[in-house]
C-alpha atoms as a PDB file:
ATOM      1  CA  UNK A   1      -0.071   0.192   0.598  1.00  0.00           C
ATOM      2  CA  UNK A   2       2.936   2.369   0.581  1.00  0.00           C
ATOM      3  CA  UNK A   3       4.956   1.625  -2.424  1.00  0.00           C
ATOM      4  CA  UNK A   4       1.398   2.654  -4.554  1.00  0.00           C
ATOM      5  CA  UNK A   5       0.486   6.059  -2.447  1.00  0.00           C
ATOM      6  CA  UNK A   6       4.231   6.602  -2.933  1.00  0.00           C
ATOM      7  CA  UNK A   7       4.046   6.311  -6.955  1.00  0.00           C
ATOM      8  CA  UNK A   8       0.942   7.959  -6.514  1.00  0.00           C
ATOM      9  CA  UNK A   9       2.263  10.469  -5.236  1.00  0.00           C
ATOM     10  CA  UNK A  10       5.120  11.138  -7.594  1.00  0.00           C
ATOM     11  CA  UNK A  11       2.594  10.573 -10.608  1.00  0.00           C
ATOM     12  CA  UNK A  12       0.689  13.846  -9.245  1.00  0.00           C
ATOM     13  CA  UNK A  13       4.086  15.438  -8.764  1.00  0.00           C
ATOM     14  CA  UNK A  14       4.698  15.301 -12.373  1.00  0.00           C
ATOM     15  CA  UNK A  15       1.488  15.980 -13.726  1.00  0.00           C
ATOM     16  CA  UNK A  16       2.750  19.648 -12.646  1.00  0.00           C
ATOM     17  CA  UNK A  17       4.912  21.747 -13.233  1.00  0.00           C
ATOM     18  CA  UNK A  18       5.556  23.322 -10.586  1.00  0.00           C
ATOM     19  CA  UNK A  19       8.777  20.364  -9.871  1.00  0.00           C
ATOM     20  CA  UNK A  20      10.576  21.892 -13.479  1.00  0.00           C
ATOM     21  CA  UNK A  21       9.874  25.143 -12.739  1.00  0.00           C
ATOM     22  CA  UNK A  22      11.284  26.060  -9.487  1.00  0.00           C
ATOM     23  CA  UNK A  23      14.442  23.116 -11.122  1.00  0.00           C
ATOM     24  CA  UNK A  24      14.840  26.814 -13.659  1.00  0.00           C
ATOM     25  CA  UNK A  25      16.157  29.489 -10.905  1.00  0.00           C
ATOM     26  CA  UNK A  26      17.157  27.195  -7.885  1.00  0.00           C
ATOM     27  CA  UNK A  27      20.095  25.933 -10.788  1.00  0.00           C
ATOM     28  CA  UNK A  28      19.887  29.253 -11.996  1.00  0.00           C
ATOM     29  CA  UNK A  29      20.626  31.435  -8.548  1.00  0.00           C
ATOM     30  CA  UNK A  30      22.996  27.840  -7.884  1.00  0.00           C
ATOM     31  CA  UNK A  31      25.437  28.511 -10.605  1.00  0.00           C
ATOM     32  CA  UNK A  32      26.026  31.900 -10.667  1.00  0.00           C
ATOM     33  CA  UNK A  33      26.023  33.272  -6.995  1.00  0.00           C
ATOM     34  CA  UNK A  34      28.345  30.202  -7.273  1.00  0.00           C
ATOM     35  CA  UNK A  35      30.485  32.162 -10.110  1.00  0.00           C
ATOM     36  CA  UNK A  36      30.485  35.093  -8.962  1.00  0.00           C
ATOM     37  CA  UNK A  37      31.366  34.765  -5.673  1.00  0.00           C
ATOM     38  CA  UNK A  38      33.855  32.907  -6.737  1.00  0.00           C
ATOM     39  CA  UNK A  39      36.269  35.326  -8.999  1.00  0.00           C
ATOM     40  CA  UNK A  40      35.415  37.232  -5.872  1.00  0.00           C
ATOM     41  CA  UNK A  41      36.686  34.688  -3.127  1.00  0.00           C
ATOM     42  CA  UNK A  42      39.700  33.023  -5.806  1.00  0.00           C
ATOM     43  CA  UNK A  43      42.142  35.374  -4.191  1.00  0.00           C
ATOM     44  CA  UNK A  44      41.695  34.751  -0.580  1.00  0.00           C
ATOM     45  CA  UNK A  45      43.964  37.796   0.376  1.00  0.00           C
ATOM     46  CA  UNK A  46      42.183  40.304  -0.876  1.00  0.00           C
ATOM     47  CA  UNK A  47      39.772  39.262   0.022  1.00  0.00           C
ATOM     48  CA  UNK A  48      40.078  38.835   3.302  1.00  0.00           C
ATOM     49  CA  UNK A  49      43.209  40.422   4.732  1.00  0.00           C
ATOM     50  CA  UNK A  50      46.884  39.067   3.894  1.00  0.00           C
ATOM     51  CA  UNK A  51      47.122  38.985   7.850  1.00  0.00           C
ATOM     52  CA  UNK A  52      43.645  36.428   8.459  1.00  0.00           C
ATOM     53  CA  UNK A  53      44.358  34.743   5.136  1.00  0.00           C
ATOM     54  CA  UNK A  54      48.311  33.906   6.784  1.00  0.00           C
ATOM     55  CA  UNK A  55      47.308  32.911  10.100  1.00  0.00           C
ATOM     56  CA  UNK A  56      44.303  30.894   8.108  1.00  0.00           C
ATOM     57  CA  UNK A  57      46.852  29.079   6.064  1.00  0.00           C
ATOM     58  CA  UNK A  58      49.466  28.330   8.582  1.00  0.00           C
ATOM     59  CA  UNK A  59      46.877  27.231  10.767  1.00  0.00           C
ATOM     60  CA  UNK A  60      45.121  24.662   8.114  1.00  0.00           C
ATOM     61  CA  UNK A  61      49.139  23.767   6.833  1.00  0.00           C
ATOM     62  CA  UNK A  62      49.289  25.652   3.488  1.00  0.00           C
ATOM     63  CA  UNK A  63      50.729  28.185   1.105  1.00  0.00           C
ATOM     64  CA  UNK A  64      47.225  31.545   1.566  1.00  0.00           C
ATOM     65  CA  UNK A  65      47.400  30.486  -2.731  1.00  0.00           C
ATOM     66  CA  UNK A  66      46.678  27.283  -2.324  1.00  0.00           C
ATOM     67  CA  UNK A  67      43.473  27.590   0.138  1.00  0.00           C
ATOM     68  CA  UNK A  68      40.033  25.977  -1.437  1.00  0.00           C
ATOM     69  CA  UNK A  69      38.540  28.455  -1.996  1.00  0.00           C
ATOM     70  CA  UNK A  70      35.775  26.255  -3.530  1.00  0.00           C
ATOM     71  CA  UNK A  71      34.582  25.130  -1.596  1.00  0.00           C
ATOM     72  CA  UNK A  72      33.723  28.986  -0.171  1.00  0.00           C
ATOM     73  CA  UNK A  73      32.194  29.766  -3.690  1.00  0.00           C
ATOM     74  CA  UNK A  74      30.606  26.257  -3.763  1.00  0.00           C
ATOM     75  CA  UNK A  75      28.971  27.006   0.258  1.00  0.00           C
ATOM     76  CA  UNK A  76      27.350  30.582  -1.269  1.00  0.00           C
ATOM     77  CA  UNK A  77      25.323  29.935  -3.704  1.00  0.00           C
ATOM     78  CA  UNK A  78      24.002  26.091  -2.276  1.00  0.00           C
ATOM     79  CA  UNK A  79      23.115  27.371   1.034  1.00  0.00           C
ATOM     80  CA  UNK A  80      21.338  30.577  -0.975  1.00  0.00           C
ATOM     81  CA  UNK A  81      20.055  28.069  -3.824  1.00  0.00           C
ATOM     82  CA  UNK A  82      18.565  26.121  -0.661  1.00  0.00           C
ATOM     83  CA  UNK A  83      15.227  28.336  -0.429  1.00  0.00           C
ATOM     84  CA  UNK A  84      14.269  26.903  -4.053  1.00  0.00           C
ATOM     85  CA  UNK A  85      13.662  23.184  -2.459  1.00  0.00           C
ATOM     86  CA  UNK A  86      12.474  24.475   0.853  1.00  0.00           C
ATOM     87  CA  UNK A  87       9.425  26.365  -1.376  1.00  0.00           C
ATOM     88  CA  UNK A  88       8.783  23.284  -3.249  1.00  0.00           C
ATOM     89  CA  UNK A  89       7.927  21.858   0.498  1.00  0.00           C
ATOM     90  CA  UNK A  90       5.394  24.668   0.665  1.00  0.00           C
ATOM     91  CA  UNK A  91       4.042  24.258  -2.006  1.00  0.00           C
ATOM     92  CA  UNK A  92       3.584  19.697  -0.598  1.00  0.00           C
ATOM     93  CA  UNK A  93       0.744  19.669   1.536  1.00  0.00           C
ATOM     94  CA  UNK A  94      -0.153  23.781   1.192  1.00  0.00           C
ATOM     95  CA  UNK A  95      -0.922  23.720  -2.032  1.00  0.00           C
ATOM     96  CA  UNK A  96      -3.186  20.452  -1.543  1.00  0.00           C
ATOM     97  CA  UNK A  97      -5.979  22.506   0.553  1.00  0.00           C
ATOM     98  CA  UNK A  98      -5.918  25.594  -1.910  1.00  0.00           C
ATOM     99  CA  UNK A  99      -6.088  23.275  -5.187  1.00  0.00           C
ATOM    100  CA  UNK A 100      -8.847  21.364  -3.144  1.00  0.00           C
ATOM    101  CA  UNK A 101      -7.214  18.031  -3.381  1.00  0.00           C
ATOM    102  CA  UNK A 102      -6.001  17.560  -0.085  1.00  0.00           C
ATOM    103  CA  UNK A 103      -9.295  16.109  -0.305  1.00  0.00           C
ATOM    104  CA  UNK A 104      -8.878  12.575  -2.692  1.00  0.00           C
ATOM    105  CA  UNK A 105      -6.067  12.499  -1.382  1.00  0.00           C
ATOM    106  CA  UNK A 106      -6.698  11.585   2.220  1.00  0.00           C
ATOM    107  CA  UNK A 107     -10.004   9.402   1.076  1.00  0.00           C
ATOM    108  CA  UNK A 108      -7.465   7.367  -1.196  1.00  0.00           C
ATOM    109  CA  UNK A 109      -5.319   6.221   1.981  1.00  0.00           C
ATOM    110  CA  UNK A 110      -5.948   4.197   4.473  1.00  0.00           C
ATOM    111  CA  UNK A 111      -5.845   7.176   7.084  1.00  0.00           C
ATOM    112  CA  UNK A 112      -3.886  10.634   6.839  1.00  0.00           C
ATOM    113  CA  UNK A 113      -0.411   9.131   8.448  1.00  0.00           C
ATOM    114  CA  UNK A 114      -0.133   6.885   6.330  1.00  0.00           C
ATOM    115  CA  UNK A 115      -0.998   9.430   3.292  1.00  0.00           C
ATOM    116  CA  UNK A 116       1.477  12.513   4.801  1.00  0.00           C
ATOM    117  CA  UNK A 117       4.080   9.439   5.671  1.00  0.00           C
ATOM    118  CA  UNK A 118       4.336   8.556   1.426  1.00  0.00           C
ATOM    119  CA  UNK A 119       4.118  12.348   0.501  1.00  0.00           C
ATOM    120  CA  UNK A 120       6.723  12.905   3.091  1.00  0.00           C
ATOM    121  CA  UNK A 121       8.874  10.049   2.090  1.00  0.00           C
ATOM    122  CA  UNK A 122       8.419  11.138  -1.809  1.00  0.00           C
ATOM    123  CA  UNK A 123       9.750  14.409  -0.930  1.00  0.00           C
ATOM    124  CA  UNK A 124      12.695  12.823   0.746  1.00  0.00           C
ATOM    125  CA  UNK A 125      13.187  12.178  -2.972  1.00  0.00           C
ATOM    126  CA  UNK A 126      12.536  15.359  -4.613  1.00  0.00           C
ATOM    127  CA  UNK A 127      14.645  17.061  -2.453  1.00  0.00           C
ATOM    128  CA  UNK A 128      17.458  14.916  -2.659  1.00  0.00           C
ATOM    129  CA  UNK A 129      16.600  15.165  -6.851  1.00  0.00           C
ATOM    130  CA  UNK A 130      16.766  19.594  -5.765  1.00  0.00           C
ATOM    131  CA  UNK A 131      20.124  18.589  -3.893  1.00  0.00           C
ATOM    132  CA  UNK A 132      22.477  16.993  -6.525  1.00  0.00           C
ATOM    133  CA  UNK A 133      21.501  19.531  -9.584  1.00  0.00           C
ATOM    134  CA  UNK A 134      22.687  21.983  -7.169  1.00  0.00           C
ATOM    135  CA  UNK A 135      26.392  20.544  -6.083  1.00  0.00           C
ATOM    136  CA  UNK A 136      26.292  20.040  -9.891  1.00  0.00           C
ATOM    137  CA  UNK A 137      25.917  23.545 -11.100  1.00  0.00           C
ATOM    138  CA  UNK A 138      27.578  24.774  -8.037  1.00  0.00           C
ATOM    139  CA  UNK A 139      30.669  22.695  -8.721  1.00  0.00           C
ATOM    140  CA  UNK A 140      30.775  23.325 -12.669  1.00  0.00           C
ATOM    141  CA  UNK A 141      30.523  27.302 -12.069  1.00  0.00           C
ATOM    142  CA  UNK A 142      33.657  26.736  -9.209  1.00  0.00           C
ATOM    143  CA  UNK A 143      35.365  25.289 -11.932  1.00  0.00           C
ATOM    144  CA  UNK A 144      34.812  27.890 -14.477  1.00  0.00           C
ATOM    145  CA  UNK A 145      35.611  30.571 -11.560  1.00  0.00           C
ATOM    146  CA  UNK A 146      38.307  29.978  -9.266  1.00  0.00           C
ATOM    147  CA  UNK A 147      41.381  28.941 -10.819  1.00  0.00           C
ATOM    148  CA  UNK A 148      42.441  24.502 -10.491  1.00  0.00           C
ATOM    149  CA  UNK A 149      44.515  24.534  -7.197  1.00  0.00           C
ATOM    150  CA  UNK A 150      42.528  26.649  -5.379  1.00  0.00           C
ATOM    151  CA  UNK A 151      39.571  23.856  -6.261  1.00  0.00           C
ATOM    152  CA  UNK A 152      38.160  21.487  -3.187  1.00  0.00           C
ATOM    153  CA  UNK A 153      40.031  17.907  -2.745  1.00  0.00           C
ATOM    154  CA  UNK A 154      37.916  14.676  -4.073  1.00  0.00           C
ATOM    155  CA  UNK A 155      37.531  14.404   0.121  1.00  0.00           C
ATOM    156  CA  UNK A 156      35.675  18.197   0.135  1.00  0.00           C
ATOM    157  CA  UNK A 157      34.877  17.391  -3.059  1.00  0.00           C
ATOM    158  CA  UNK A 158      32.041  14.494  -1.447  1.00  0.00           C
ATOM    159  CA  UNK A 159      31.603  16.288   1.674  1.00  0.00           C
ATOM    160  CA  UNK A 160      30.537  19.090   0.240  1.00  0.00           C
ATOM    161  CA  UNK A 161      28.118  16.504  -2.537  1.00  0.00           C
ATOM    162  CA  UNK A 162      26.346  15.063   0.794  1.00  0.00           C
ATOM    163  CA  UNK A 163      26.566  17.851   2.961  1.00  0.00           C
ATOM    164  CA  UNK A 164      24.403  19.730  -0.049  1.00  0.00           C
ATOM    165  CA  UNK A 165      21.638  16.472  -0.250  1.00  0.00           C
ATOM    166  CA  UNK A 166      21.247  16.365   2.934  1.00  0.00           C
ATOM    167  CA  UNK A 167      20.558  19.860   3.514  1.00  0.00           C
ATOM    168  CA  UNK A 168      18.112  20.083   0.034  1.00  0.00           C
ATOM    169  CA  UNK A 169      16.170  17.291   2.137  1.00  0.00           C
ATOM    170  CA  UNK A 170      15.494  18.518   5.299  1.00  0.00           C
ATOM    171  CA  UNK A 171      15.029  22.269   3.267  1.00  0.00           C
ATOM    172  CA  UNK A 172      11.975  20.644   1.601  1.00  0.00           C
ATOM    173  CA  UNK A 173      10.721  18.251   4.537  1.00  0.00           C
ATOM    174  CA  UNK A 174      11.369  21.672   6.590  1.00  0.00           C
ATOM    175  CA  UNK A 175       9.182  23.986   3.770  1.00  0.00           C
ATOM    176  CA  UNK A 176       5.916  20.536   3.683  1.00  0.00           C
ATOM    177  CA  UNK A 177       5.990  21.683   7.806  1.00  0.00           C
ATOM    178  CA  UNK A 178       5.860  25.347   7.427  1.00  0.00           C
ATOM    179  CA  UNK A 179       2.763  25.051   4.659  1.00  0.00           C
ATOM    180  CA  UNK A 180       1.769  22.651   6.593  1.00  0.00           C
ATOM    181  CA  UNK A 181       0.262  24.758   9.793  1.00  0.00           C
ATOM    182  CA  UNK A 182       0.041  27.541   7.873  1.00  0.00           C
ATOM    183  CA  UNK A 183      -2.462  26.352   4.919  1.00  0.00           C
ATOM    184  CA  UNK A 184      -1.769  29.406   3.198  1.00  0.00           C
ATOM    185  CA  UNK A 185       1.607  29.551   0.513  1.00  0.00           C
ATOM    186  CA  UNK A 186       1.175  33.206  -0.828  1.00  0.00           C
ATOM    187  CA  UNK A 187       0.943  33.796   3.790  1.00  0.00           C
ATOM    188  CA  UNK A 188       3.806  31.115   3.782  1.00  0.00           C
ATOM    189  CA  UNK A 189       6.324  31.312   0.386  1.00  0.00           C
ATOM    190  CA  UNK A 190       6.151  34.864   1.946  1.00  0.00           C
ATOM    191  CA  UNK A 191       6.798  34.359   5.860  1.00  0.00           C
ATOM    192  CA  UNK A 192       9.165  31.389   5.127  1.00  0.00           C
ATOM    193  CA  UNK A 193      11.453  33.840   2.457  1.00  0.00           C
ATOM    194  CA  UNK A 194      11.305  37.607   4.438  1.00  0.00           C
ATOM    195  CA  UNK A 195      12.402  34.410   6.800  1.00  0.00           C
ATOM    196  CA  UNK A 196      15.111  32.719   5.868  1.00  0.00           C
ATOM    197  CA  UNK A 197      16.831  35.461   2.778  1.00  0.00           C
ATOM    198  CA  UNK A 198      15.958  39.368   5.033  1.00  0.00           C
ATOM    199  CA  UNK A 199      15.085  38.969   9.353  1.00  0.00           C
ATOM    200  CA  UNK A 200      17.193  36.504  10.337  1.00  0.00           C
ATOM    201  CA  UNK A 201      20.273  37.313   8.629  1.00  0.00           C
ATOM    202  CA  UNK A 202      19.973  40.699  10.217  1.00  0.00           C
ATOM    203  CA  UNK A 203      19.494  39.642  13.674  1.00  0.00           C
ATOM    204  CA  UNK A 204      22.623  37.357  13.251  1.00  0.00           C
ATOM    205  CA  UNK A 205      24.647  40.278  11.941  1.00  0.00           C
ATOM    206  CA  UNK A 206      23.076  42.681  14.575  1.00  0.00           C
ATOM    207  CA  UNK A 207      23.953  40.940  17.354  1.00  0.00           C
ATOM    208  CA  UNK A 208      27.098  39.557  16.906  1.00  0.00           C
ATOM    209  CA  UNK A 209      28.250  41.191  19.742  1.00  0.00           C
ATOM    210  CA  UNK A 210      26.107  39.827  22.366  1.00  0.00           C
ATOM    211  CA  UNK A 211      24.582  36.331  20.784  1.00  0.00           C
ATOM    212  CA  UNK A 212      27.474  35.224  18.378  1.00  0.00           C
ATOM    213  CA  UNK A 213      25.074  31.161  18.467  1.00  0.00           C
ATOM    214  CA  UNK A 214      22.096  32.654  17.127  1.00  0.00           C
ATOM    215  CA  UNK A 215      24.069  32.161  13.552  1.00  0.00           C
ATOM    216  CA  UNK A 216      24.125  28.466  14.794  1.00  0.00           C
ATOM    217  CA  UNK A 217      21.330  28.419  16.064  1.00  0.00           C
ATOM    218  CA  UNK A 218      17.839  29.752  14.225  1.00  0.00           C
ATOM    219  CA  UNK A 219      16.423  27.836  11.306  1.00  0.00           C
ATOM    220  CA  UNK A 220      18.073  29.800   8.440  1.00  0.00           C
ATOM    221  CA  UNK A 221      22.508  29.988  10.595  1.00  0.00           C
ATOM    222  CA  UNK A 222      22.058  26.448  11.089  1.00  0.00           C
ATOM    223  CA  UNK A 223      20.466  25.058   7.219  1.00  0.00           C
ATOM    224  CA  UNK A 224      22.959  26.562   5.346  1.00  0.00           C
ATOM    225  CA  UNK A 225      25.615  25.840   8.180  1.00  0.00           C
ATOM    226  CA  UNK A 226      25.446  21.905   6.322  1.00  0.00           C
ATOM    227  CA  UNK A 227      27.211  23.145   3.368  1.00  0.00           C
ATOM    228  CA  UNK A 228      28.753  26.370   4.300  1.00  0.00           C
ATOM    229  CA  UNK A 229      29.518  24.413   8.283  1.00  0.00           C
ATOM    230  CA  UNK A 230      31.935  21.722   6.303  1.00  0.00           C
ATOM    231  CA  UNK A 231      33.666  25.053   4.482  1.00  0.00           C
ATOM    232  CA  UNK A 232      34.110  26.218   7.136  1.00  0.00           C
ATOM    233  CA  UNK A 233      35.948  23.935   8.930  1.00  0.00           C
ATOM    234  CA  UNK A 234      37.941  23.113   6.355  1.00  0.00           C
ATOM    235  CA  UNK A 235      40.071  26.296   6.718  1.00  0.00           C
ATOM    236  CA  UNK A 236      38.784  26.282  10.601  1.00  0.00           C
ATOM    237  CA  UNK A 237      37.284  28.914  10.733  1.00  0.00           C
ATOM    238  CA  UNK A 238      34.347  26.999  12.383  1.00  0.00           C
ATOM    239  CA  UNK A 239      33.179  28.827  15.761  1.00  0.00           C
ATOM    240  CA  UNK A 240      34.949  25.809  18.267  1.00  0.00           C
ATOM    241  CA  UNK A 241      38.078  25.693  16.222  1.00  0.00           C
ATOM    242  CA  UNK A 242      38.580  29.929  15.425  1.00  0.00           C
ATOM    243  CA  UNK A 243      42.580  30.664  15.072  1.00  0.00           C
ATOM    244  CA  UNK A 244      44.129  32.602  16.985  1.00  0.00           C
ATOM    245  CA  UNK A 245      45.012  36.143  16.005  1.00  0.00           C
ATOM    246  CA  UNK A 246      41.485  35.817  14.433  1.00  0.00           C
ATOM    247  CA  UNK A 247      39.537  38.502  15.856  1.00  0.00           C
ATOM    248  CA  UNK A 248      35.432  38.610  16.513  1.00  0.00           C
ATOM    249  CA  UNK A 249      34.290  40.750  13.849  1.00  0.00           C
ATOM    250  CA  UNK A 250      37.136  38.738  11.930  1.00  0.00           C
ATOM    251  CA  UNK A 251      35.727  35.972  12.243  1.00  0.00           C
ATOM    252  CA  UNK A 252      31.666  37.302  11.796  1.00  0.00           C
ATOM    253  CA  UNK A 253      33.801  38.328   7.914  1.00  0.00           C
ATOM    254  CA  UNK A 254      34.847  34.431   7.242  1.00  0.00           C
ATOM    255  CA  UNK A 255      32.390  33.368   8.194  1.00  0.00           C
ATOM    256  CA  UNK A 256      30.329  35.471   5.719  1.00  0.00           C
ATOM    257  CA  UNK A 257      32.658  34.500   3.818  1.00  0.00           C
ATOM    258  CA  UNK A 258      31.681  30.145   4.488  1.00  0.00           C
ATOM    259  CA  UNK A 259      27.793  31.304   3.767  1.00  0.00           C
ATOM    260  CA  UNK A 260      27.927  30.415   8.239  1.00  0.00           C
ATOM    261  CA  UNK A 261      28.468  33.934  10.269  1.00  0.00           C
ATOM    262  CA  UNK A 262      28.339  31.331  13.352  1.00  0.00           C
ATOM    263  CA  UNK A 263      28.374  28.200  12.541  1.00  0.00           C
ATOM    264  CA  UNK A 264      29.489  25.181  15.274  1.00  0.00           C
ATOM    265  CA  UNK A 265      30.702  22.465  13.162  1.00  0.00           C
ATOM    266  CA  UNK A 266      28.413  21.085  10.360  1.00  0.00           C
ATOM    267  CA  UNK A 267      27.603  18.002  12.408  1.00  0.00           C
ATOM    268  CA  UNK A 268      25.882  20.524  14.456  1.00  0.00           C
ATOM    269  CA  UNK A 269      23.970  22.682  12.151  1.00  0.00           C
ATOM    270  CA  UNK A 270      22.900  19.452  10.247  1.00  0.00           C
ATOM    271  CA  UNK A 271      21.540  17.536  14.388  1.00  0.00           C
ATOM    272  CA  UNK A 272      19.840  21.312  15.078  1.00  0.00           C
ATOM    273  CA  UNK A 273      18.294  22.063  11.252  1.00  0.00           C
ATOM    274  CA  UNK A 274      16.383  18.629  12.291  1.00  0.00           C
ATOM    275  CA  UNK A 275      14.933  19.506  15.076  1.00  0.00           C
ATOM    276  CA  UNK A 276      13.812  22.443  13.663  1.00  0.00           C
ATOM    277  CA  UNK A 277      11.712  20.403  10.153  1.00  0.00           C
ATOM    278  CA  UNK A 278      10.760  17.953  12.721  1.00  0.00           C
ATOM    279  CA  UNK A 279       9.079  20.298  14.657  1.00  0.00           C
ATOM    280  CA  UNK A 280       7.867  22.076  12.225  1.00  0.00           C
ATOM    281  CA  UNK A 281       6.999  19.244   9.729  1.00  0.00           C
ATOM    282  CA  UNK A 282       5.147  17.435  13.710  1.00  0.00           C
ATOM    283  CA  UNK A 283       3.312  20.487  14.314  1.00  0.00           C
ATOM    284  CA  UNK A 284       2.197  20.306  10.245  1.00  0.00           C
ATOM    285  CA  UNK A 285       1.327  16.474  11.047  1.00  0.00           C
ATOM    286  CA  UNK A 286      -0.820  17.061  13.817  1.00  0.00           C
ATOM    287  CA  UNK A 287      -2.437  20.049  12.743  1.00  0.00           C
ATOM    288  CA  UNK A 288      -3.315  17.483   9.813  1.00  0.00           C
ATOM    289  CA  UNK A 289      -5.150  14.995  11.607  1.00  0.00           C
ATOM    290  CA  UNK A 290      -8.607  16.939  12.785  1.00  0.00           C
ATOM    291  CA  UNK A 291      -8.272  18.581  10.215  1.00  0.00           C
ATOM    292  CA  UNK A 292     -11.444  19.369   7.892  1.00  0.00           C
ATOM    293  CA  UNK A 293     -11.132  18.467   4.180  1.00  0.00           C
ATOM    294  CA  UNK A 294     -14.904  19.420   2.524  1.00  0.00           C
END
């Protein structure tokens, strides 16, 4: 039964234009942001200041000109692009309430728990697809904008790929939960974008002095911190492992370069954002068990 429900969910999604329409901005955002950031960070020493670059290079045992800055560009591109699978997730359940197809979805399944589980598993697959596309075009942008000596190592490429897929899956599920809680597609889309792009970033930067940890615990920061944390770990610039000579405000600039200000580490970001995802997904799940579908 679950297999049939998952097939039905995939067919339902493929029958709409949303999945491929959103792939276009995903690819464009991931490529061009990675490309532009690659051009900026290609000369990392000039970007962050010679002394900080030397401090970091010494900490990781590399010449400043050989730091894998392509990883920073990659992280920036995929972190912004992951908003797209989040929006795709918002449409998953909230969109069904808007179009009234939620009635058929619930009536053709044994119960609502089974129907929502099938939807969750289906969108895990879609999140992984979006993550693969994002990682692929960002990798191409890195190779097009960054000198080959500054590309990530093979292990770092694999870590960035895995992190991108994981982040994309979690952001997609977060979007489903967020949309399910609000049930209003326009409101959910606006609040999602405004929080992730504006409000949280302003809070993190404005409160960097008294509350550096905000970027490491809030939803956007922890979603960005999965891939951004992999980049930060490679440079030794996460909040647990900053070189001793880097001052407080330089730390913000360095972590912004990795696309994840306040990041603790990639695995901590993944765990915290997973918790955020489960909170919203759980609220949406619980709210849809008794909700009228007529």
